[in-house]
All heavy atoms as atom14 arrays in JSON, in Angstrom:
{
  "sequence": "SVYTTLYVDSVKGRFTISRDNVENTLYLQMNSLKSEDTAVYYCC",
  "atom14_mask": [
    [1, 1, 1, 1, 1, 1, 0, 0, 0, 0, 0, 0, 0, 0],
    [1, 1, 1, 1, 1, 1, 1, 0, 0, 0, 0, 0, 0, 0],
    [1, 1, 1, 1, 1, 1, 1, 1, 1, 1, 1, 1, 0, 0],
    [1, 1, 1, 1, 1, 1, 1, 0, 0, 0, 0, 0, 0, 0],
    [1, 1, 1, 1, 1, 1, 1, 0, 0, 0, 0, 0, 0, 0],
    [1, 1, 1, 1, 1, 1, 1, 1, 0, 0, 0, 0, 0, 0],
    [1, 1, 1, 1, 1, 1, 1, 1, 1, 1, 1, 1, 0, 0],
    [1, 1, 1, 1, 1, 1, 1, 0, 0, 0, 0, 0, 0, 0],
    [1, 1, 1, 1, 1, 1, 1, 1, 0, 0, 0, 0, 0, 0],
    [1, 1, 1, 1, 1, 1, 0, 0, 0, 0, 0, 0, 0, 0],
    [1, 1, 1, 1, 1, 1, 1, 0, 0, 0, 0, 0, 0, 0],
    [1, 1, 1, 1, 1, 1, 1, 1, 1, 0, 0, 0, 0, 0],
    [1, 1, 1, 1, 0, 0, 0, 0, 0, 0, 0, 0, 0, 0],
    [1, 1, 1, 1, 1, 1, 1, 1, 1, 1, 1, 0, 0, 0],
    [1, 1, 1, 1, 1, 1, 1, 1, 1, 1, 1, 0, 0, 0],
    [1, 1, 1, 1, 1, 1, 1, 0, 0, 0, 0, 0, 0, 0],
    [1, 1, 1, 1, 1, 1, 1, 1, 0, 0, 0, 0, 0, 0],
    [1, 1, 1, 1, 1, 1, 0, 0, 0, 0, 0, 0, 0, 0],
    [1, 1, 1, 1, 1, 1, 1, 1, 1, 1, 1, 0, 0, 0],
    [1, 1, 1, 1, 1, 1, 1, 1, 0, 0, 0, 0, 0, 0],
    [1, 1, 1, 1, 1, 1, 1, 1, 0, 0, 0, 0, 0, 0],
    [1, 1, 1, 1, 1, 1, 1, 0, 0, 0, 0, 0, 0, 0],
    [1, 1, 1, 1, 1, 1, 1, 1, 1, 0, 0, 0, 0, 0],
    [1, 1, 1, 1, 1, 1, 1, 1, 0, 0, 0, 0, 0, 0],
    [1, 1, 1, 1, 1, 1, 1, 0, 0, 0, 0, 0, 0, 0],
    [1, 1, 1, 1, 1, 1, 1, 1, 0, 0, 0, 0, 0, 0],
    [1, 1, 1, 1, 1, 1, 1, 1, 1, 1, 1, 1, 0, 0],
    [1, 1, 1, 1, 1, 1, 1, 1, 0, 0, 0, 0, 0, 0],
    [1, 1, 1, 1, 1, 1, 1, 1, 1, 0, 0, 0, 0, 0],
    [1, 1, 1, 1, 1, 1, 1, 1, 0, 0, 0, 0, 0, 0],
    [1, 1, 1, 1, 1, 1, 1, 1, 0, 0, 0, 0, 0, 0],
    [1, 1, 1, 1, 1, 1, 0, 0, 0, 0, 0, 0, 0, 0],
    [1, 1, 1, 1, 1, 1, 1, 1, 0, 0, 0, 0, 0, 0],
    [1, 1, 1, 1, 1, 1, 1, 1, 1, 0, 0, 0, 0, 0],
    [1, 1, 1, 1, 1, 1, 0, 0, 0, 0, 0, 0, 0, 0],
    [1, 1, 1, 1, 1, 1, 1, 1, 1, 0, 0, 0, 0, 0],
    [1, 1, 1, 1, 1, 1, 1, 1, 0, 0, 0, 0, 0, 0],
    [1, 1, 1, 1, 1, 1, 1, 0, 0, 0, 0, 0, 0, 0],
    [1, 1, 1, 1, 1, 0, 0, 0, 0, 0, 0, 0, 0, 0],
    [1, 1, 1, 1, 1, 1, 1, 0, 0, 0, 0, 0, 0, 0],
    [1, 1, 1, 1, 1, 1, 1, 1, 1, 1, 1, 1, 0, 0],
    [1, 1, 1, 1, 1, 1, 1, 1, 1, 1, 1, 1, 0, 0],
    [1, 1, 1, 1, 1, 1, 0, 0, 0, 0, 0, 0, 0, 0],
    [1, 1, 1, 1, 1, 1, 0, 0, 0, 0, 0, 0, 0, 0]
  ],
  "atom14_positions": [
    [[0.82, -1.21, 0.0], [0.0, 0.0, 0.0], [0.86, 1.27, 0.0], [0.36, 2.34, -0.31], [-0.94, 0.0, 1.2], [-0.19, -0.05, 2.41], [0.0, 0.0, 0.0], [0.0, 0.0, 0.0], [0.0, 0.0, 0.0], [0.0, 0.0, 0.0], [0.0, 0.0, 0.0], [0.0, 0.0, 0.0], [0.0, 0.0, 0.0], [0.0, 0.0, 0.0]],
    [[2.15, 1.14, 0.34], [3.06, 2.29, 0.3], [4.06, 2.16, -0.85], [5.12, 2.75, -0.84], [3.79, 2.48, 1.65], [2.79, 2.87, 2.73], [4.56, 1.23, 2.05], [0.0, 0.0, 0.0], [0.0, 0.0, 0.0], [0.0, 0.0, 0.0], [0.0, 0.0, 0.0], [0.0, 0.0, 0.0], [0.0, 0.0, 0.0], [0.0, 0.0, 0.0]],
    [[3.7, 1.35, -1.82], [4.38, 1.26, -3.11], [5.73, 0.56, -3.07], [6.52, 0.69, -4.02], [4.51, 2.64, -3.76], [3.18, 3.31, -3.98], [2.68, 4.23, -3.04], [2.41, 3.01, -5.09], [1.44, 4.82, -3.22], [1.17, 3.61, -5.28], [0.7, 4.51, -4.34], [-0.53, 5.09, -4.53], [0.0, 0.0, 0.0], [0.0, 0.0, 0.0]],
    [[6.01, -0.18, -2.03], [7.19, -1.05, -2.05], [6.92, -2.22, -2.98], [5.83, -2.8, -2.93], [7.5, -1.56, -0.63], [7.72, -0.45, 0.24], [8.74, -2.44, -0.65], [0.0, 0.0, 0.0], [0.0, 0.0, 0.0], [0.0, 0.0, 0.0], [0.0, 0.0, 0.0], [0.0, 0.0, 0.0], [0.0, 0.0, 0.0], [0.0, 0.0, 0.0]],
    [[7.89, -2.57, -3.8], [7.68, -3.64, -4.78], [8.66, -4.79, -4.59], [9.74, -4.63, -4.01], [7.84, -3.11, -6.22], [9.15, -2.56, -6.38], [6.8, -2.04, -6.52], [0.0, 0.0, 0.0], [0.0, 0.0, 0.0], [0.0, 0.0, 0.0], [0.0, 0.0, 0.0], [0.0, 0.0, 0.0], [0.0, 0.0, 0.0], [0.0, 0.0, 0.0]],
    [[8.25, -5.95, -5.11], [9.08, -7.15, -5.07], [8.79, -7.95, -6.32], [7.63, -8.06, -6.73], [8.78, -7.99, -3.82], [9.62, -9.25, -3.63], [11.04, -8.88, -3.27], [9.02, -10.14, -2.55], [0.0, 0.0, 0.0], [0.0, 0.0, 0.0], [0.0, 0.0, 0.0], [0.0, 0.0, 0.0], [0.0, 0.0, 0.0], [0.0, 0.0, 0.0]],
    [[9.84, -8.52, -6.92], [9.69, -9.29, -8.15], [10.37, -10.65, -8.01], [11.41, -10.77, -7.35], [10.32, -8.56, -9.33], [9.7, -7.22, -9.64], [10.19, -6.06, -9.05], [8.63, -7.11, -10.52], [9.62, -4.82, -9.31], [8.06, -5.88, -10.8], [8.55, -4.74, -10.18], [7.98, -3.52, -10.46], [0.0, 0.0, 0.0], [0.0, 0.0, 0.0]],
    [[9.81, -11.64, -8.67], [10.52, -12.9, -8.79], [11.72, -12.67, -9.7], [11.69, -11.82, -10.6], [9.57, -13.99, -9.34], [9.19, -13.72, -10.78], [10.18, -15.37, -9.17], [0.0, 0.0, 0.0], [0.0, 0.0, 0.0], [0.0, 0.0, 0.0], [0.0, 0.0, 0.0], [0.0, 0.0, 0.0], [0.0, 0.0, 0.0], [0.0, 0.0, 0.0]],
    [[12.8, -13.39, -9.45], [14.06, -13.12, -10.17], [13.89, -13.2, -11.69], [14.52, -12.43, -12.43], [15.14, -14.1, -9.73], [15.7, -13.79, -8.36], [15.43, -12.69, -7.84], [16.42, -14.64, -7.8], [0.0, 0.0, 0.0], [0.0, 0.0, 0.0], [0.0, 0.0, 0.0], [0.0, 0.0, 0.0], [0.0, 0.0, 0.0], [0.0, 0.0, 0.0]],
    [[13.05, -14.09, -12.17], [12.95, -14.32, -13.61], [12.34, -13.14, -14.37], [12.46, -13.09, -15.6], [12.12, -15.58, -13.88], [10.82, -15.45, -13.34], [0.0, 0.0, 0.0], [0.0, 0.0, 0.0], [0.0, 0.0, 0.0], [0.0, 0.0, 0.0], [0.0, 0.0, 0.0], [0.0, 0.0, 0.0], [0.0, 0.0, 0.0], [0.0, 0.0, 0.0]],
    [[11.71, -12.2, -13.67], [11.09, -11.06, -14.37], [11.74, -9.73, -14.0], [11.36, -8.69, -14.55], [9.57, -10.99, -14.11], [8.91, -12.32, -14.42], [9.25, -10.54, -12.7], [0.0, 0.0, 0.0], [0.0, 0.0, 0.0], [0.0, 0.0, 0.0], [0.0, 0.0, 0.0], [0.0, 0.0, 0.0], [0.0, 0.0, 0.0], [0.0, 0.0, 0.0]],
    [[12.69, -9.73, -13.09], [13.35, -8.48, -12.69], [13.97, -7.79, -13.89], [14.62, -8.43, -14.72], [14.43, -8.77, -11.64], [13.9, -9.02, -10.26], [15.04, -9.27, -9.28], [14.51, -9.54, -7.88], [15.6, -9.85, -6.93], [0.0, 0.0, 0.0], [0.0, 0.0, 0.0], [0.0, 0.0, 0.0], [0.0, 0.0, 0.0], [0.0, 0.0, 0.0]],
    [[13.75, -6.48, -13.97], [14.28, -5.69, -15.08], [13.42, -5.73, -16.33], [13.66, -4.97, -17.27], [0.0, 0.0, 0.0], [0.0, 0.0, 0.0], [0.0, 0.0, 0.0], [0.0, 0.0, 0.0], [0.0, 0.0, 0.0], [0.0, 0.0, 0.0], [0.0, 0.0, 0.0], [0.0, 0.0, 0.0], [0.0, 0.0, 0.0], [0.0, 0.0, 0.0]],
    [[12.42, -6.61, -16.37], [11.53, -6.72, -17.54], [10.09, -6.33, -17.21], [9.41, -5.75, -18.05], [11.55, -8.15, -18.08], [12.91, -8.64, -18.51], [12.83, -9.98, -19.23], [12.3, -11.05, -18.4], [11.2, -11.76, -18.7], [10.52, -11.49, -19.8], [10.8, -12.73, -17.89], [0.0, 0.0, 0.0], [0.0, 0.0, 0.0], [0.0, 0.0, 0.0]],
    [[9.64, -6.66, -16.02], [8.25, -6.38, -15.62], [8.24, -5.25, -14.58], [9.15, -5.12, -13.76], [7.62, -7.61, -14.98], [7.33, -8.74, -15.91], [7.82, -8.78, -17.2], [6.54, -9.81, -15.46], [7.55, -9.84, -18.06], [6.25, -10.88, -16.3], [6.76, -10.9, -17.59], [0.0, 0.0, 0.0], [0.0, 0.0, 0.0], [0.0, 0.0, 0.0]],
    [[7.17, -4.46, -14.62], [6.98, -3.39, -13.64], [5.55, -3.43, -13.12], [4.6, -3.35, -13.9], [7.25, -2.01, -14.26], [8.58, -1.96, -14.79], [7.09, -0.92, -13.21], [0.0, 0.0, 0.0], [0.0, 0.0, 0.0], [0.0, 0.0, 0.0], [0.0, 0.0, 0.0], [0.0, 0.0, 0.0], [0.0, 0.0, 0.0], [0.0, 0.0, 0.0]],
    [[5.41, -3.56, -11.81], [4.09, -3.54, -11.18], [3.82, -2.13, -10.68], [4.73, -1.43, -10.2], [4.02, -4.57, -10.03], [2.59, -4.7, -9.51], [4.99, -4.24, -8.91], [2.41, -5.85, -8.51], [0.0, 0.0, 0.0], [0.0, 0.0, 0.0], [0.0, 0.0, 0.0], [0.0, 0.0, 0.0], [0.0, 0.0, 0.0], [0.0, 0.0, 0.0]],
    [[2.57, -1.71, -10.79], [2.18, -0.4, -10.29], [0.71, -0.45, -9.89], [0.01, -1.42, -10.18], [2.42, 0.7, -11.34], [1.66, 0.45, -12.5], [0.0, 0.0, 0.0], [0.0, 0.0, 0.0], [0.0, 0.0, 0.0], [0.0, 0.0, 0.0], [0.0, 0.0, 0.0], [0.0, 0.0, 0.0], [0.0, 0.0, 0.0], [0.0, 0.0, 0.0]],
    [[0.28, 0.6, -9.2], [-1.1, 0.64, -8.74], [-1.63, 2.06, -8.8], [-0.86, 3.03, -8.65], [-1.21, 0.09, -7.32], [-0.46, 0.89, -6.27], [-0.43, 0.14, -4.93], [-1.76, -0.02, -4.38], [-2.08, -0.94, -3.44], [-1.15, -1.78, -3.0], [-3.31, -1.03, -2.99], [0.0, 0.0, 0.0], [0.0, 0.0, 0.0], [0.0, 0.0, 0.0]],
    [[-2.93, 2.18, -9.0], [-3.62, 3.46, -9.0], [-4.7, 3.38, -7.93], [-5.73, 2.72, -8.13], [-4.22, 3.74, -10.38], [-4.86, 5.11, -10.46], [-5.32, 5.64, -9.44], [-4.92, 5.65, -11.57], [0.0, 0.0, 0.0], [0.0, 0.0, 0.0], [0.0, 0.0, 0.0], [0.0, 0.0, 0.0], [0.0, 0.0, 0.0], [0.0, 0.0, 0.0]],
    [[-4.46, 4.03, -6.79], [-5.39, 3.94, -5.67], [-6.64, 4.8, -5.86], [-7.57, 4.71, -5.06], [-4.7, 4.33, -4.37], [-3.77, 3.24, -3.86], [-3.8, 2.12, -4.35], [-2.95, 3.57, -2.88], [0.0, 0.0, 0.0], [0.0, 0.0, 0.0], [0.0, 0.0, 0.0], [0.0, 0.0, 0.0], [0.0, 0.0, 0.0], [0.0, 0.0, 0.0]],
    [[-6.67, 5.61, -6.89], [-7.88, 6.37, -7.22], [-8.81, 5.5, -8.07], [-10.02, 5.43, -7.84], [-7.54, 7.68, -7.95], [-8.82, 8.39, -8.41], [-6.71, 8.58, -7.04], [0.0, 0.0, 0.0], [0.0, 0.0, 0.0], [0.0, 0.0, 0.0], [0.0, 0.0, 0.0], [0.0, 0.0, 0.0], [0.0, 0.0, 0.0], [0.0, 0.0, 0.0]],
    [[-8.21, 4.82, -9.05], [-8.98, 3.96, -9.94], [-9.12, 2.53, -9.42], [-9.77, 1.7, -10.05], [-8.33, 3.93, -11.32], [-8.32, 5.28, -12.03], [-9.72, 5.76, -12.36], [-10.61, 4.9, -12.61], [-9.93, 6.99, -12.36], [0.0, 0.0, 0.0], [0.0, 0.0, 0.0], [0.0, 0.0, 0.0], [0.0, 0.0, 0.0], [0.0, 0.0, 0.0]],
    [[-8.49, 2.23, -8.27], [-8.54, 0.87, -7.69], [-8.09, -0.17, -8.71], [-8.74, -1.22, -8.9], [-9.94, 0.53, -7.19], [-10.38, 1.46, -6.09], [-9.59, 1.85, -5.23], [-11.63, 1.86, -6.12], [0.0, 0.0, 0.0], [0.0, 0.0, 0.0], [0.0, 0.0, 0.0], [0.0, 0.0, 0.0], [0.0, 0.0, 0.0], [0.0, 0.0, 0.0]],
    [[-6.98, 0.12, -9.37], [-6.5, -0.74, -10.44], [-5.03, -1.08, -10.23], [-4.23, -0.22, -9.88], [-6.71, -0.08, -11.8], [-8.1, 0.25, -11.96], [-6.28, -1.0, -12.93], [0.0, 0.0, 0.0], [0.0, 0.0, 0.0], [0.0, 0.0, 0.0], [0.0, 0.0, 0.0], [0.0, 0.0, 0.0], [0.0, 0.0, 0.0], [0.0, 0.0, 0.0]],
    [[-4.73, -2.33, -10.47], [-3.37, -2.84, -10.41], [-2.88, -3.07, -11.84], [-3.66, -3.51, -12.69], [-3.35, -4.16, -9.63], [-2.01, -4.82, -9.36], [-1.21, -4.01, -8.34], [-2.21, -6.24, -8.87], [0.0, 0.0, 0.0], [0.0, 0.0, 0.0], [0.0, 0.0, 0.0], [0.0, 0.0, 0.0], [0.0, 0.0, 0.0], [0.0, 0.0, 0.0]],
    [[-1.62, -2.77, -12.09], [-1.06, -2.92, -13.44], [0.19, -3.78, -13.42], [0.89, -3.89, -12.41], [-0.69, -1.54, -14.01], [-1.83, -0.57, -14.11], [-2.03, 0.41, -13.15], [-2.72, -0.63, -15.18], [-3.08, 1.3, -13.23], [-3.78, 0.26, -15.28], [-3.96, 1.22, -14.3], [-5.01, 2.1, -14.39], [0.0, 0.0, 0.0], [0.0, 0.0, 0.0]],
    [[0.46, -4.38, -14.58], [1.72, -5.08, -14.77], [2.19, -4.79, -16.2], [1.58, -5.25, -17.16], [1.58, -6.59, -14.56], [2.9, -7.37, -14.62], [3.77, -7.01, -13.41], [2.64, -8.88, -14.64], [0.0, 0.0, 0.0], [0.0, 0.0, 0.0], [0.0, 0.0, 0.0], [0.0, 0.0, 0.0], [0.0, 0.0, 0.0], [0.0, 0.0, 0.0]],
    [[3.25, -4.01, -16.31], [3.87, -3.75, -17.6], [4.92, -4.81, -17.84], [5.85, -4.97, -17.05], [4.5, -2.35, -17.62], [5.22, -2.02, -18.92], [4.28, -1.97, -20.11], [3.17, -1.45, -20.01], [4.72, -2.5, -21.24], [0.0, 0.0, 0.0], [0.0, 0.0, 0.0], [0.0, 0.0, 0.0], [0.0, 0.0, 0.0], [0.0, 0.0, 0.0]],
    [[4.77, -5.53, -18.94], [5.68, -6.64, -19.25], [6.42, -6.33, -20.55], [5.79, -6.2, -21.6], [4.88, -7.93, -19.39], [4.02, -8.25, -18.18], [3.23, -9.86, -18.28], [2.16, -9.61, -19.68], [0.0, 0.0, 0.0], [0.0, 0.0, 0.0], [0.0, 0.0, 0.0], [0.0, 0.0, 0.0], [0.0, 0.0, 0.0], [0.0, 0.0, 0.0]],
    [[7.72, -6.21, -20.46], [8.57, -5.95, -21.61], [9.53, -7.11, -21.85], [9.71, -7.96, -20.98], [9.37, -4.67, -21.4], [8.51, -3.44, -21.22], [7.42, -3.33, -21.81], [8.97, -2.5, -20.4], [0.0, 0.0, 0.0], [0.0, 0.0, 0.0], [0.0, 0.0, 0.0], [0.0, 0.0, 0.0], [0.0, 0.0, 0.0], [0.0, 0.0, 0.0]],
    [[10.12, -7.15, -23.03], [11.09, -8.19, -23.38], [10.54, -9.58, -23.05], [11.22, -10.4, -22.42], [12.41, -7.95, -22.63], [12.93, -6.68, -22.94], [0.0, 0.0, 0.0], [0.0, 0.0, 0.0], [0.0, 0.0, 0.0], [0.0, 0.0, 0.0], [0.0, 0.0, 0.0], [0.0, 0.0, 0.0], [0.0, 0.0, 0.0], [0.0, 0.0, 0.0]],
    [[9.33, -9.83, -23.47], [8.66, -11.09, -23.12], [9.36, -12.28, -23.75], [9.91, -12.2, -24.87], [7.2, -11.02, -23.55], [6.32, -10.21, -22.61], [5.02, -9.79, -23.29], [6.02, -11.0, -21.34], [0.0, 0.0, 0.0], [0.0, 0.0, 0.0], [0.0, 0.0, 0.0], [0.0, 0.0, 0.0], [0.0, 0.0, 0.0], [0.0, 0.0, 0.0]],
    [[9.33, -13.38, -23.01], [9.95, -14.63, -23.42], [8.88, -15.72, -23.49], [7.83, -15.6, -22.86], [11.02, -15.04, -22.42], [12.09, -13.99, -22.17], [13.05, -14.44, -21.09], [14.12, -13.38, -20.81], [15.06, -13.84, -19.74], [0.0, 0.0, 0.0], [0.0, 0.0, 0.0], [0.0, 0.0, 0.0], [0.0, 0.0, 0.0], [0.0, 0.0, 0.0]],
    [[9.18, -16.78, -24.2], [8.21, -17.87, -24.32], [7.85, -18.44, -22.94], [6.72, -18.86, -22.72], [8.76, -18.97, -25.23], [10.0, -19.46, -24.72], [0.0, 0.0, 0.0], [0.0, 0.0, 0.0], [0.0, 0.0, 0.0], [0.0, 0.0, 0.0], [0.0, 0.0, 0.0], [0.0, 0.0, 0.0], [0.0, 0.0, 0.0], [0.0, 0.0, 0.0]],
    [[8.8, -18.43, -22.03], [8.54, -18.97, -20.69], [7.64, -18.08, -19.86], [7.25, -18.45, -18.75], [9.85, -19.25, -19.94], [10.81, -18.09, -19.9], [11.89, -18.2, -20.97], [11.55, -18.54, -22.13], [13.06, -17.94, -20.64], [0.0, 0.0, 0.0], [0.0, 0.0, 0.0], [0.0, 0.0, 0.0], [0.0, 0.0, 0.0], [0.0, 0.0, 0.0]],
    [[7.29, -16.9, -20.35], [6.32, -16.05, -19.66], [4.88, -16.44, -20.01], [3.93, -15.89, -19.43], [6.53, -14.58, -20.04], [7.87, -14.04, -19.57], [8.26, -14.34, -18.43], [8.52, -13.32, -20.35], [0.0, 0.0, 0.0], [0.0, 0.0, 0.0], [0.0, 0.0, 0.0], [0.0, 0.0, 0.0], [0.0, 0.0, 0.0], [0.0, 0.0, 0.0]],
    [[4.72, -17.36, -20.95], [3.39, -17.81, -21.34], [2.67, -18.45, -20.15], [3.2, -19.37, -19.53], [3.47, -18.81, -22.49], [3.99, -18.15, -23.64], [2.11, -19.41, -22.8], [0.0, 0.0, 0.0], [0.0, 0.0, 0.0], [0.0, 0.0, 0.0], [0.0, 0.0, 0.0], [0.0, 0.0, 0.0], [0.0, 0.0, 0.0], [0.0, 0.0, 0.0]],
    [[1.5, -17.93, -19.82], [0.74, -18.4, -18.66], [-0.57, -17.64, -18.58], [-0.77, -16.65, -19.3], [1.53, -18.19, -17.37], [0.0, 0.0, 0.0], [0.0, 0.0, 0.0], [0.0, 0.0, 0.0], [0.0, 0.0, 0.0], [0.0, 0.0, 0.0], [0.0, 0.0, 0.0], [0.0, 0.0, 0.0], [0.0, 0.0, 0.0], [0.0, 0.0, 0.0]],
    [[-1.44, -18.09, -17.69], [-2.59, -17.29, -17.29], [-2.15, -16.43, -16.11], [-1.6, -16.95, -15.14], [-3.8, -18.16, -16.9], [-4.96, -17.27, -16.46], [-4.2, -19.05, -18.06], [0.0, 0.0, 0.0], [0.0, 0.0, 0.0], [0.0, 0.0, 0.0], [0.0, 0.0, 0.0], [0.0, 0.0, 0.0], [0.0, 0.0, 0.0], [0.0, 0.0, 0.0]],
    [[-2.37, -15.14, -16.21], [-1.96, -14.19, -15.18], [-3.15, -13.77, -14.34], [-4.22, -13.46, -14.88], [-1.3, -12.97, -15.82], [0.1, -13.24, -16.29], [0.35, -14.05, -17.4], [1.21, -12.71, -15.63], [1.64, -14.34, -17.82], [2.5, -12.97, -16.04], [2.7, -13.79, -17.14], [3.99, -14.06, -17.55], [0.0, 0.0, 0.0], [0.0, 0.0, 0.0]],
    [[-2.94, -13.77, -13.03], [-3.99, -13.43, -12.07], [-3.5, -12.32, -11.13], [-2.3, -12.25, -10.83], [-4.33, -14.62, -11.19], [-4.79, -15.86, -11.91], [-3.88, -16.79, -12.38], [-6.15, -16.11, -12.1], [-4.3, -17.94, -13.03], [-6.58, -17.26, -12.75], [-5.65, -18.17, -13.21], [-6.08, -19.31, -13.84], [0.0, 0.0, 0.0], [0.0, 0.0, 0.0]],
    [[-4.43, -11.52, -10.65], [-4.09, -10.63, -9.55], [-4.82, -11.12, -8.3], [-5.83, -11.8, -8.36], [-4.45, -9.19, -9.85], [-6.21, -8.82, -9.88], [0.0, 0.0, 0.0], [0.0, 0.0, 0.0], [0.0, 0.0, 0.0], [0.0, 0.0, 0.0], [0.0, 0.0, 0.0], [0.0, 0.0, 0.0], [0.0, 0.0, 0.0], [0.0, 0.0, 0.0]],
    [[-4.25, -10.78, -7.16], [-4.81, -11.18, -5.88], [-4.14, -10.33, -4.82], [-3.18, -9.6, -5.1], [-4.55, -12.67, -5.63], [-5.5, -13.38, -4.27], [0.0, 0.0, 0.0], [0.0, 0.0, 0.0], [0.0, 0.0, 0.0], [0.0, 0.0, 0.0], [0.0, 0.0, 0.0], [0.0, 0.0, 0.0], [0.0, 0.0, 0.0], [0.0, 0.0, 0.0]]
  ]
}
């Protein structure tokens, strides 16, 4: 809630998580995607 972030090692430097507390929305910007990133993505 105070914008501290943590990433799994395999996505560090490629993915960026962010949040908008006005719009109640969570984001994930994914760059330099690899075949091993293929999956169903969920928020929780």
